Amino acid sequence: MDIIERRRRAGATGAAGTTRAVGEVGDAGEARGVAIAVRYVDGDFVDESSMHPATEPPDPAEPDLYWAGHSGWAMLPSLVVGAMVSAIIMLGAPPVGNLIGLPSDWTAFLTFWLVLLGWIGAAIDWSYRGAAFVYRLTPRRLYADFGMLYRPVPPIPLTDVTNIEHRAWALRRLFGVGSVIVHAKGRPPLRLRGIFRPDRFADAIRTAVRQAQAEHPQIASENAKQLTHPVT
């Protein structure tokens, strides 16, 4: 009984102490309560409509007029050539092996690995070109990115473009792919390879160049004095 009585007295004393502490905070610590409330509520909130306008310059990003890259169709001509080369190697390896006195099993082994490694290399090359080659046309510049294995290409201002060509050898032309060559003032020609319907991309660049030069006639006239390949 004594133990129970002592526990009751200790609980009453703790409750009284807690009540007293709460009372002290309520009477003498109102500022603390206000501070806690202000911590989560901004009393100095200002409506955005009354704020000063932003002084930062506008977003320099330029809209895309045309977006291209190394098309999957550009891999088909290489696929045809690779199949022809593989057939030649497989058919020509046995006579060559007999000519140099190589055992037939070694000839077959070397032929297999030579063809396999060739196709693995071609697949890696196709994958890299398809993922890394990106060509982007904006109202002011032409951007070309060939991935981490090539040196970065500085953007070409459209006002500096002097000539645009599109070319394709016979097999690529059959699949509708080719290259666009851009000539610009003060730099070597830039060849954009593996483009599907290169004539469309070339026409888009020509149209953007004319508009850019029309908006900056002074720059266009200064460049025209040194041009040898006018845009056609």
Protein backbone atom coordinates (compact mmCIF):
# COMPACT_ATOMS: atom_id res chain seq x y z
CA MET A 1 0.00 0.00 0.00
CA ASP A 2 2.84 2.38 0.85
CA ILE A 3 4.37 1.79 -2.56
CA ILE A 4 1.08 2.51 -4.35
CA GLU A 5 0.57 5.64 -2.29
CA ARG A 6 4.06 6.92 -3.10
CA ARG A 7 3.48 6.33 -6.81
CA ARG A 8 0.23 8.28 -6.70
CA ARG A 9 1.93 11.18 -4.95
CA ALA A 10 4.78 11.15 -7.50
CA GLY A 11 2.27 11.19 -10.39
CA ALA A 12 0.36 14.07 -8.84
CA THR A 13 3.60 16.00 -8.32
CA GLY A 14 4.66 15.41 -11.97
CA ALA A 15 1.26 16.51 -13.26
CA ALA A 16 1.40 19.63 -11.14
CA GLY A 17 4.90 20.36 -12.40
CA THR A 18 3.77 19.88 -15.95
CA THR A 19 0.78 22.11 -15.43
CA ARG A 20 2.98 24.69 -13.82
CA ALA A 21 5.46 24.56 -16.74
CA VAL A 22 2.67 24.91 -19.23
CA GLY A 23 1.29 27.79 -17.29
CA GLU A 24 4.63 29.51 -17.26
CA VAL A 25 4.93 29.14 -20.99
CA GLY A 26 1.39 30.37 -21.48
CA ASP A 27 1.83 33.41 -19.22
CA ALA A 28 5.43 34.44 -19.66
CA GLY A 29 6.31 32.82 -23.01
CA GLU A 30 3.66 34.12 -25.40
CA ALA A 31 6.46 35.53 -27.56
CA ARG A 32 7.82 32.02 -27.99
CA GLY A 33 4.42 30.80 -29.11
CA VAL A 34 4.19 33.62 -31.62
CA ALA A 35 7.69 32.84 -32.86
CA ILE A 36 6.77 29.22 -33.41
CA ALA A 37 3.68 30.23 -35.36
CA VAL A 38 5.59 32.76 -37.48
CA ARG A 39 8.10 30.06 -38.32
CA TYR A 40 5.52 28.35 -40.54
CA VAL A 41 3.44 31.33 -41.65
CA ASP A 42 5.02 34.25 -43.51
CA GLY A 43 3.46 37.32 -42.02
CA ASP A 44 5.20 39.55 -44.55
CA PHE A 45 3.80 37.76 -47.62
CA VAL A 46 3.48 40.05 -50.63
CA ASP A 47 1.19 39.32 -53.56
CA GLU A 48 3.09 38.63 -56.80
CA SER A 49 1.04 41.25 -58.61
CA SER A 50 2.66 43.99 -56.50
CA MET A 51 6.22 42.73 -57.06
CA HIS A 52 8.67 44.43 -59.40
CA PRO A 53 9.05 42.85 -62.85
CA ALA A 54 11.98 40.49 -63.39
CA THR A 55 15.20 42.14 -64.53
CA GLU A 56 16.80 38.96 -65.94
CA PRO A 57 17.17 38.68 -69.73
CA PRO A 58 14.71 36.46 -71.59
CA ASP A 59 15.43 32.77 -72.11
CA PRO A 60 18.15 32.55 -74.81
CA ALA A 61 16.87 29.19 -76.06
CA GLU A 62 15.97 29.20 -79.74
CA PRO A 63 13.05 27.28 -81.24
CA ASP A 64 13.85 24.34 -83.47
CA LEU A 65 13.06 24.67 -87.16
CA TYR A 66 14.40 21.23 -88.10
CA TRP A 67 15.83 18.33 -86.15
CA ALA A 68 17.73 15.53 -87.87
CA GLY A 69 20.30 12.86 -87.14
CA HIS A 70 21.90 9.73 -88.52
CA SER A 71 18.88 7.86 -89.85
CA GLY A 72 18.40 4.12 -89.58
CA TRP A 73 17.85 4.08 -93.33
CA ALA A 74 21.48 5.15 -93.72
CA MET A 75 22.53 1.78 -92.31
CA LEU A 76 20.83 -0.21 -95.07
CA PRO A 77 23.44 0.54 -97.77
CA SER A 78 26.19 -0.48 -95.36
CA LEU A 79 24.18 -3.61 -94.56
CA VAL A 80 24.06 -4.55 -98.25
CA VAL A 81 27.77 -3.90 -98.70
CA GLY A 82 28.58 -5.85 -95.54
CA ALA A 83 26.56 -8.83 -96.72
CA MET A 84 28.40 -8.80 -100.06
CA VAL A 85 31.83 -8.58 -98.38
CA SER A 86 30.93 -11.41 -95.99
CA ALA A 87 29.87 -13.62 -98.88
CA ILE A 88 33.10 -12.90 -100.73
CA ILE A 89 35.20 -13.73 -97.66
CA MET A 90 33.35 -16.96 -96.93
CA LEU A 91 33.52 -18.13 -100.54
CA GLY A 92 37.07 -17.00 -101.14
CA ALA A 93 38.63 -18.16 -97.88
CA PRO A 94 38.88 -21.91 -98.70
CA PRO A 95 40.81 -21.41 -101.97
CA VAL A 96 43.12 -18.92 -100.27
CA GLY A 97 43.66 -21.36 -97.39
CA ASN A 98 44.54 -24.15 -99.78
CA LEU A 99 46.86 -21.83 -101.69
CA ILE A 100 48.89 -20.94 -98.59
CA GLY A 101 48.69 -24.45 -97.13
CA LEU A 102 46.44 -23.58 -94.18
CA PRO A 103 44.45 -26.48 -92.69
CA SER A 104 40.76 -26.41 -93.48
CA ASP A 105 39.71 -26.19 -89.83
CA TRP A 106 41.94 -23.17 -89.29
CA THR A 107 40.58 -21.60 -92.45
CA ALA A 108 37.01 -22.03 -91.24
CA PHE A 109 37.93 -20.72 -87.77
CA LEU A 110 39.60 -17.58 -89.12
CA THR A 111 36.82 -16.98 -91.62
CA PHE A 112 34.14 -17.21 -88.94
CA TRP A 113 35.84 -14.81 -86.55
CA LEU A 114 36.78 -12.37 -89.30
CA VAL A 115 33.18 -12.11 -90.46
CA LEU A 116 31.82 -11.99 -86.90
CA LEU A 117 34.19 -9.25 -85.78
CA GLY A 118 33.36 -7.26 -88.90
CA TRP A 119 29.64 -7.36 -88.10
CA ILE A 120 30.25 -6.51 -84.44
CA GLY A 121 32.31 -3.47 -85.48
CA ALA A 122 29.61 -2.39 -87.92
CA ALA A 123 26.91 -2.73 -85.24
CA ILE A 124 28.92 -0.61 -82.80
CA ASP A 125 29.49 2.03 -85.47
CA TRP A 126 25.80 2.11 -86.44
CA SER A 127 24.70 2.32 -82.81
CA TYR A 128 27.07 5.18 -82.06
CA ARG A 129 26.08 7.17 -85.14
CA GLY A 130 22.37 6.68 -84.49
CA ALA A 131 22.68 7.79 -80.87
CA ALA A 132 25.30 10.55 -81.11
CA PHE A 133 24.85 12.34 -84.45
CA VAL A 134 22.40 15.22 -83.98
CA TYR A 135 21.75 18.13 -86.36
CA ARG A 136 19.64 21.05 -85.15
CA LEU A 137 18.47 24.07 -87.13
CA THR A 138 17.21 27.22 -85.40
CA PRO A 139 16.27 30.66 -86.79
CA ARG A 140 19.80 31.93 -86.08
CA ARG A 141 22.24 29.01 -86.10
CA LEU A 142 22.93 25.50 -87.29
CA TYR A 143 24.15 23.08 -84.62
CA ALA A 144 25.93 19.78 -85.25
CA ASP A 145 26.95 17.28 -82.58
CA PHE A 146 28.89 14.13 -83.42
CA GLY A 147 29.29 12.77 -79.90
CA MET A 148 32.22 12.40 -77.55
CA LEU A 149 34.51 10.73 -80.10
CA TYR A 150 34.65 13.87 -82.25
CA ARG A 151 35.76 17.39 -81.57
CA PRO A 152 32.93 19.83 -80.73
CA VAL A 153 31.67 21.74 -83.74
CA PRO A 154 31.02 25.46 -83.13
CA PRO A 155 27.51 26.54 -84.15
CA ILE A 156 27.28 28.10 -87.60
CA PRO A 157 25.52 31.49 -87.74
CA LEU A 158 23.10 31.42 -90.63
CA THR A 159 24.25 34.85 -91.73
CA ASP A 160 27.68 33.29 -92.47
CA VAL A 161 26.38 30.48 -94.68
CA THR A 162 27.47 30.80 -98.29
CA ASN A 163 26.32 27.59 -99.97
CA ILE A 164 24.36 24.42 -99.23
CA GLU A 165 24.62 21.11 -101.11
CA HIS A 166 23.16 17.65 -100.70
CA ARG A 167 24.84 14.58 -102.14
CA ALA A 168 24.39 10.81 -102.14
CA TRP A 169 26.03 7.95 -103.97
CA ALA A 170 23.86 5.59 -105.98
CA LEU A 171 23.10 2.97 -103.32
CA ARG A 172 22.32 5.55 -100.66
CA ARG A 173 20.13 7.46 -103.08
CA LEU A 174 18.17 4.26 -103.60
CA PHE A 175 17.25 4.26 -99.90
CA GLY A 176 16.62 8.02 -99.77
CA VAL A 177 19.59 8.95 -97.59
CA GLY A 178 22.54 11.23 -98.19
CA SER A 179 24.66 14.07 -96.83
CA VAL A 180 24.17 17.82 -96.55
CA ILE A 181 27.28 19.96 -97.00
CA VAL A 182 27.22 23.46 -95.51
CA HIS A 183 29.73 26.08 -96.62
CA ALA A 184 30.25 29.03 -94.30
CA LYS A 185 32.53 32.00 -94.15
CA GLY A 186 35.88 31.46 -92.45
CA ARG A 187 35.57 27.71 -91.86
CA PRO A 188 35.86 24.43 -93.79
CA PRO A 189 32.72 22.83 -95.20
CA LEU A 190 30.64 20.88 -92.71
CA ARG A 191 29.32 17.51 -93.90
CA LEU A 192 26.19 16.23 -92.17
CA ARG A 193 26.03 12.50 -92.95
CA GLY A 194 23.32 9.89 -92.85
CA ILE A 195 20.30 12.17 -93.28
CA PHE A 196 17.03 10.75 -94.52
CA ARG A 197 15.64 12.93 -97.31
CA PRO A 198 18.65 15.28 -97.34
CA ASP A 199 16.98 17.53 -99.92
CA ARG A 200 14.33 18.51 -97.35
CA PHE A 201 16.93 19.39 -94.75
CA ALA A 202 18.90 21.39 -97.31
CA ASP A 203 15.78 23.31 -98.33
CA ALA A 204 14.99 24.07 -94.68
CA ILE A 205 18.51 25.44 -94.17
CA ARG A 206 18.25 27.59 -97.31
CA THR A 207 14.93 29.05 -96.18
CA ALA A 208 16.29 29.81 -92.70
CA VAL A 209 19.43 31.38 -94.19
CA ARG A 210 17.40 33.70 -96.41
CA GLN A 211 15.26 34.81 -93.49
CA ALA A 212 18.27 35.37 -91.23
CA GLN A 213 20.09 37.37 -93.89
CA ALA A 214 16.95 39.41 -94.56
CA GLU A 215 16.74 40.30 -90.85
CA HIS A 216 20.44 41.33 -90.80
CA PRO A 217 21.06 42.94 -94.19
CA GLN A 218 24.25 44.71 -93.08
CA ILE A 219 25.94 41.49 -92.00
CA ALA A 220 24.72 39.68 -95.09
CA SER A 221 26.02 42.42 -97.40
CA GLU A 222 29.45 42.41 -95.74
CA ASN A 223 29.70 38.64 -96.09
CA ALA A 224 28.46 38.75 -99.67
CA LYS A 225 31.52 40.72 -100.73
CA GLN A 226 33.72 37.72 -99.91
CA LEU A 227 31.38 34.92 -100.98
CA THR A 228 32.30 32.57 -103.75
CA HIS A 229 29.35 30.18 -103.29
CA PRO A 230 26.07 32.06 -102.97
CA VAL A 231 23.19 30.21 -101.36
CA THR A 232 21.08 28.48 -104.01
